[in-house]
Amino acid sequence: MYQSNRLCYTNKKCILQVKFQITDIKFDYADDVGEDDYYFRDDIVGQIWDADDDNDLLKKITSASGWCVKKINYNIVK
């Protein structure tokens, strides 16, 4: 089982969050900025993100970067 943080809201609903450490990522921005997959990559790789699951992780990274994630590799932080 993943180590997670319990996140509780005022309405007493609790969600377990998983810590993901990004090891590699590619964004889908080739049409806009060329083939430079390292444009945002260096800012994301190595960071630890809290998310409910891998789909939530993708949504959070997409929201933070402004670009859709094409491919991602990560480790679960224990």
C-alpha atoms as a PDB file:
ATOM      1  CA  MET A   1       0.000   0.000   0.000  1.00  0.00           C
ATOM      2  CA  TYR A   2       1.113   3.551  -0.703  1.00  0.00           C
ATOM      3  CA  GLN A   3       2.127   5.896   2.056  1.00  0.00           C
ATOM      4  CA  SER A   4      -0.303   8.746   1.968  1.00  0.00           C
ATOM      5  CA  ASN A   5      -1.398  11.848   3.762  1.00  0.00           C
ATOM      6  CA  ARG A   6      -4.938  12.177   5.012  1.00  0.00           C
ATOM      7  CA  LEU A   7      -6.547  15.346   3.749  1.00  0.00           C
ATOM      8  CA  CYS A   8      -9.775  16.266   5.568  1.00  0.00           C
ATOM      9  CA  TYR A   9     -12.201  18.972   4.557  1.00  0.00           C
ATOM     10  CA  THR A  10     -14.634  20.917   6.722  1.00  0.00           C
ATOM     11  CA  ASN A  11     -17.521  18.651   5.693  1.00  0.00           C
ATOM     12  CA  LYS A  12     -15.646  15.730   7.351  1.00  0.00           C
ATOM     13  CA  LYS A  13     -14.842  14.059   4.020  1.00  0.00           C
ATOM     14  CA  CYS A  14     -11.303  12.656   4.106  1.00  0.00           C
ATOM     15  CA  ILE A  15      -9.196  11.724   1.097  1.00  0.00           C
ATOM     16  CA  LEU A  16      -5.937   9.768   1.177  1.00  0.00           C
ATOM     17  CA  GLN A  17      -3.295  11.446  -0.935  1.00  0.00           C
ATOM     18  CA  VAL A  18      -0.301   9.688  -2.476  1.00  0.00           C
ATOM     19  CA  LYS A  19       3.116  11.330  -2.896  1.00  0.00           C
ATOM     20  CA  PHE A  20       4.454  11.007  -6.465  1.00  0.00           C
ATOM     21  CA  GLN A  21       8.044  11.904  -7.402  1.00  0.00           C
ATOM     22  CA  ILE A  22       8.323  12.678 -11.104  1.00  0.00           C
ATOM     23  CA  THR A  23      11.261  10.893 -12.769  1.00  0.00           C
ATOM     24  CA  ASP A  24      10.527  11.775 -16.410  1.00  0.00           C
ATOM     25  CA  ILE A  25       7.847  13.680 -18.292  1.00  0.00           C
ATOM     26  CA  LYS A  26       6.979  14.714 -21.845  1.00  0.00           C
ATOM     27  CA  PHE A  27       4.458  17.403 -22.670  1.00  0.00           C
ATOM     28  CA  ASP A  28       2.257  17.634 -25.749  1.00  0.00           C
ATOM     29  CA  TYR A  29       3.439  21.019 -27.015  1.00  0.00           C
ATOM     30  CA  ALA A  30       5.434  20.082 -30.122  1.00  0.00           C
ATOM     31  CA  ASP A  31       3.122  22.107 -32.387  1.00  0.00           C
ATOM     32  CA  ASP A  32       3.503  25.263 -30.315  1.00  0.00           C
ATOM     33  CA  VAL A  33       7.149  25.389 -29.239  1.00  0.00           C
ATOM     34  CA  GLY A  34       8.886  22.903 -31.521  1.00  0.00           C
ATOM     35  CA  GLU A  35      10.406  19.586 -30.597  1.00  0.00           C
ATOM     36  CA  ASP A  36      12.040  20.872 -27.409  1.00  0.00           C
ATOM     37  CA  ASP A  37      10.657  18.414 -24.821  1.00  0.00           C
ATOM     38  CA  TYR A  38      12.836  20.018 -22.153  1.00  0.00           C
ATOM     39  CA  TYR A  39      10.965  23.336 -22.114  1.00  0.00           C
ATOM     40  CA  PHE A  40       9.196  22.605 -18.797  1.00  0.00           C
ATOM     41  CA  ARG A  41      10.681  19.179 -18.089  1.00  0.00           C
ATOM     42  CA  ASP A  42      13.528  20.373 -15.876  1.00  0.00           C
ATOM     43  CA  ASP A  43      11.073  22.306 -13.682  1.00  0.00           C
ATOM     44  CA  ILE A  44       8.918  19.201 -13.060  1.00  0.00           C
ATOM     45  CA  VAL A  45      11.371  16.276 -12.857  1.00  0.00           C
ATOM     46  CA  GLY A  46      12.389  15.575  -9.279  1.00  0.00           C
ATOM     47  CA  GLN A  47       9.424  17.357  -7.745  1.00  0.00           C
ATOM     48  CA  ILE A  48       7.103  15.561  -5.354  1.00  0.00           C
ATOM     49  CA  TRP A  49       3.377  16.015  -5.956  1.00  0.00           C
ATOM     50  CA  ASP A  50       0.476  15.052  -3.682  1.00  0.00           C
ATOM     51  CA  ALA A  51      -2.464  13.583  -5.597  1.00  0.00           C
ATOM     52  CA  ASP A  52      -5.375  11.214  -5.063  1.00  0.00           C
ATOM     53  CA  ASP A  53      -4.195   8.896  -7.872  1.00  0.00           C
ATOM     54  CA  ASP A  54      -2.302   9.017 -11.175  1.00  0.00           C
ATOM     55  CA  ASN A  55      -5.223  10.663 -13.015  1.00  0.00           C
ATOM     56  CA  ASP A  56      -5.354  13.400 -10.388  1.00  0.00           C
ATOM     57  CA  LEU A  57      -1.576  13.800 -10.745  1.00  0.00           C
ATOM     58  CA  LEU A  58      -1.938  14.364 -14.509  1.00  0.00           C
ATOM     59  CA  LYS A  59      -4.673  16.953 -13.929  1.00  0.00           C
ATOM     60  CA  LYS A  60      -2.549  18.821 -11.385  1.00  0.00           C
ATOM     61  CA  ILE A  61       0.561  18.897 -13.598  1.00  0.00           C
ATOM     62  CA  THR A  62      -1.484  19.940 -16.636  1.00  0.00           C
ATOM     63  CA  SER A  63      -3.105  22.721 -14.631  1.00  0.00           C
ATOM     64  CA  ALA A  64       0.217  23.946 -13.198  1.00  0.00           C
ATOM     65  CA  SER A  65       2.136  23.846 -16.494  1.00  0.00           C
ATOM     66  CA  GLY A  66      -0.617  24.786 -18.921  1.00  0.00           C
ATOM     67  CA  TRP A  67       0.311  21.839 -21.178  1.00  0.00           C
ATOM     68  CA  CYS A  68      -1.149  18.355 -21.540  1.00  0.00           C
ATOM     69  CA  VAL A  69       1.086  15.522 -20.386  1.00  0.00           C
ATOM     70  CA  LYS A  70       2.027  13.140 -23.198  1.00  0.00           C
ATOM     71  CA  LYS A  71       4.079  10.668 -21.117  1.00  0.00           C
ATOM     72  CA  ILE A  72       5.044  10.504 -17.452  1.00  0.00           C
ATOM     73  CA  ASN A  73       7.157   8.265 -15.206  1.00  0.00           C
ATOM     74  CA  TYR A  74       7.102   8.538 -11.442  1.00  0.00           C
ATOM     75  CA  ASN A  75       7.943   6.773  -8.204  1.00  0.00           C
ATOM     76  CA  ILE A  76       5.673   6.514  -5.211  1.00  0.00           C
ATOM     77  CA  VAL A  77       7.387   8.168  -2.226  1.00  0.00           C
ATOM     78  CA  LYS A  78       7.215   5.998   0.862  1.00  0.00           C
END
